[in-house]
C-alpha atoms as a PDB file:
ATOM      1  CA  MET A   1      75.265   2.827  17.410  1.00  0.00           C
ATOM      2  CA  VAL A   2      72.930   3.372  20.365  1.00  0.00           C
ATOM      3  CA  PRO A   3      72.486   7.019  21.436  1.00  0.00           C
ATOM      4  CA  ASN A   4      73.783   7.750  24.944  1.00  0.00           C
ATOM      5  CA  ASN A   5      71.288  10.296  26.212  1.00  0.00           C
ATOM      6  CA  ILE A   6      67.740  11.433  25.634  1.00  0.00           C
ATOM      7  CA  PHE A   7      68.796  14.363  23.429  1.00  0.00           C
ATOM      8  CA  GLU A   8      70.750  12.082  21.117  1.00  0.00           C
ATOM      9  CA  GLN A   9      67.796   9.696  21.038  1.00  0.00           C
ATOM     10  CA  ILE A  10      65.441  12.533  20.079  1.00  0.00           C
ATOM     11  CA  GLU A  11      67.857  13.758  17.417  1.00  0.00           C
ATOM     12  CA  GLU A  12      68.194  10.239  15.992  1.00  0.00           C
ATOM     13  CA  LEU A  13      64.424   9.720  15.994  1.00  0.00           C
ATOM     14  CA  TYR A  14      63.828  13.064  14.271  1.00  0.00           C
ATOM     15  CA  SER A  15      66.453  12.319  11.630  1.00  0.00           C
ATOM     16  CA  ARG A  16      64.910   8.943  10.828  1.00  0.00           C
ATOM     17  CA  TRP A  17      61.399  10.407  10.815  1.00  0.00           C
ATOM     18  CA  SER A  18      62.490  13.160   8.438  1.00  0.00           C
ATOM     19  CA  ILE A  19      64.029  10.649   6.037  1.00  0.00           C
ATOM     20  CA  LEU A  20      60.908   8.472   6.133  1.00  0.00           C
ATOM     21  CA  ASP A  21      58.729  11.533   5.550  1.00  0.00           C
ATOM     22  CA  LYS A  22      60.676  12.384   2.397  1.00  0.00           C
ATOM     23  CA  VAL A  23      60.528   8.785   1.179  1.00  0.00           C
ATOM     24  CA  GLY A  24      56.745   8.938   1.689  1.00  0.00           C
ATOM     25  CA  LYS A  25      56.567  12.134  -0.351  1.00  0.00           C
ATOM     26  CA  GLU A  26      58.540  10.464  -3.127  1.00  0.00           C
ATOM     27  CA  MET A  27      56.089   7.565  -3.140  1.00  0.00           C
ATOM     28  CA  GLN A  28      53.116   9.946  -3.347  1.00  0.00           C
ATOM     29  CA  LEU A  29      54.730  11.807  -6.233  1.00  0.00           C
ATOM     30  CA  GLU A  30      55.400   8.510  -8.022  1.00  0.00           C
ATOM     31  CA  ARG A  31      51.720   7.517  -7.666  1.00  0.00           C
ATOM     32  CA  SER A  32      50.659  10.926  -8.988  1.00  0.00           C
ATOM     33  CA  TRP A  33      53.069  10.570 -11.904  1.00  0.00           C
ATOM     34  CA  GLN A  34      51.613   7.157 -12.778  1.00  0.00           C
ATOM     35  CA  GLN A  35      48.019   8.403 -12.597  1.00  0.00           C
ATOM     36  CA  LEU A  36      48.748  11.454 -14.714  1.00  0.00           C
ATOM     37  CA  THR A  37      50.684   9.406 -17.259  1.00  0.00           C
ATOM     38  CA  SER A  38      47.759   6.988 -17.524  1.00  0.00           C
ATOM     39  CA  ALA A  39      45.348   9.858 -18.117  1.00  0.00           C
ATOM     40  CA  TYR A  40      47.653  11.361 -20.752  1.00  0.00           C
ATOM     41  CA  ASN A  41      48.056   7.982 -22.461  1.00  0.00           C
ATOM     42  CA  TYR A  42      44.280   7.629 -22.527  1.00  0.00           C
ATOM     43  CA  LEU A  43      44.006  10.928 -24.390  1.00  0.00           C
ATOM     44  CA  VAL A  44      46.663   9.725 -26.843  1.00  0.00           C
ATOM     45  CA  LEU A  45      44.557   6.620 -27.489  1.00  0.00           C
ATOM     46  CA  VAL A  46      41.464   8.787 -27.980  1.00  0.00           C
ATOM     47  CA  PHE A  47      43.369  10.875 -30.517  1.00  0.00           C
ATOM     48  CA  GLN A  48      44.635   7.775 -32.307  1.00  0.00           C
ATOM     49  CA  SER A  49      41.161   6.254 -32.532  1.00  0.00           C
ATOM     50  CA  LYS A  50      39.247   9.422 -33.541  1.00  0.00           C
ATOM     51  CA  GLY A  51      42.014  11.304 -35.322  1.00  0.00           C
ATOM     52  CA  TYR A  52      41.275  14.476 -33.361  1.00  0.00           C
ATOM     53  CA  LEU A  53      40.657  15.801 -29.854  1.00  0.00           C
ATOM     54  CA  THR A  54      37.798  18.019 -28.766  1.00  0.00           C
ATOM     55  CA  PRO A  55      38.647  21.418 -27.284  1.00  0.00           C
ATOM     56  CA  ASN A  56      37.885  20.005 -23.828  1.00  0.00           C
ATOM     57  CA  GLU A  57      40.215  17.041 -24.419  1.00  0.00           C
ATOM     58  CA  ILE A  58      42.947  19.396 -25.657  1.00  0.00           C
ATOM     59  CA  ASN A  59      42.519  21.481 -22.504  1.00  0.00           C
ATOM     60  CA  ASN A  60      42.729  18.314 -20.392  1.00  0.00           C
ATOM     61  CA  ALA A  61      45.922  17.272 -22.193  1.00  0.00           C
ATOM     62  CA  LYS A  62      47.488  20.691 -21.504  1.00  0.00           C
ATOM     63  CA  GLN A  63      46.496  20.531 -17.830  1.00  0.00           C
ATOM     64  CA  ILE A  64      47.885  17.015 -17.470  1.00  0.00           C
ATOM     65  CA  SER A  65      51.118  18.095 -19.143  1.00  0.00           C
ATOM     66  CA  GLN A  66      51.454  21.015 -16.715  1.00  0.00           C
ATOM     67  CA  MET A  67      50.754  18.750 -13.749  1.00  0.00           C
ATOM     68  CA  LEU A  68      53.357  16.259 -14.972  1.00  0.00           C
ATOM     69  CA  MET A  69      55.947  19.039 -15.098  1.00  0.00           C
ATOM     70  CA  ALA A  70      54.964  20.183 -11.600  1.00  0.00           C
ATOM     71  CA  VAL A  71      55.242  16.632 -10.228  1.00  0.00           C
ATOM     72  CA  GLN A  72      58.634  16.237 -11.891  1.00  0.00           C
ATOM     73  CA  ASN A  73      59.863  19.506 -10.352  1.00  0.00           C
ATOM     74  CA  GLN A  74      58.577  18.490  -6.919  1.00  0.00           C
ATOM     75  CA  LYS A  75      60.278  15.103  -7.228  1.00  0.00           C
ATOM     76  CA  ILE A  76      63.601  16.773  -8.045  1.00  0.00           C
ATOM     77  CA  LYS A  77      63.211  18.966  -4.954  1.00  0.00           C
ATOM     78  CA  VAL A  78      62.260  16.062  -2.667  1.00  0.00           C
ATOM     79  CA  ASP A  79      65.095  13.917  -4.059  1.00  0.00           C
ATOM     80  CA  GLN A  80      67.584  16.678  -3.230  1.00  0.00           C
ATOM     81  CA  GLU A  81      66.108  17.143   0.250  1.00  0.00           C
ATOM     82  CA  LEU A  82      66.303  13.393   0.869  1.00  0.00           C
ATOM     83  CA  THR A  83      69.908  13.253  -0.304  1.00  0.00           C
ATOM     84  CA  ASN A  84      70.824  16.181   1.956  1.00  0.00           C
ATOM     85  CA  GLU A  85      69.015  14.636   4.922  1.00  0.00           C
ATOM     86  CA  MET A  86      70.684  11.266   4.443  1.00  0.00           C
ATOM     87  CA  ASN A  87      74.106  12.899   4.085  1.00  0.00           C
ATOM     88  CA  LYS A  88      73.550  14.795   7.361  1.00  0.00           C
ATOM     89  CA  HIS A  89      72.421  11.609   9.076  1.00  0.00           C
ATOM     90  CA  ILE A  90      75.453   9.673   7.851  1.00  0.00           C
ATOM     91  CA  ALA A  91      77.814  12.507   8.829  1.00  0.00           C
ATOM     92  CA  LYS A  92      76.358  12.534  12.367  1.00  0.00           C
ATOM     93  CA  MET A  93      76.772   8.780  12.639  1.00  0.00           C
ATOM     94  CA  ILE A  94      80.388   8.985  11.511  1.00  0.00           C
ATOM     95  CA  SER A  95      81.204  11.872  13.839  1.00  0.00           C
ATOM     96  CA  LYS A  96      79.878   9.953  16.852  1.00  0.00           C
ATOM     97  CA  GLN A  97      82.206   7.028  16.263  1.00  0.00           C
END
């Protein structure tokens, strides 16, 4: 459906931009998750090969674990925001028909 006036066009553009922004955030969080998981897996391999971790490696593992939890929490939040935004967008489209 093509918006009729400039205000509808602006509203439509903002809605699409907002959705794309949230999709971009999800992609960034996914990249962060992959990088952190790789780093954590590396420390697991170090442990398996040496049989122990140094205090610095243990600290790194704890930090990575905390960051993974933070990324997971952020992803949950962004997923919910994206769902809400898409539902609003769809509701507006339906109401204009």
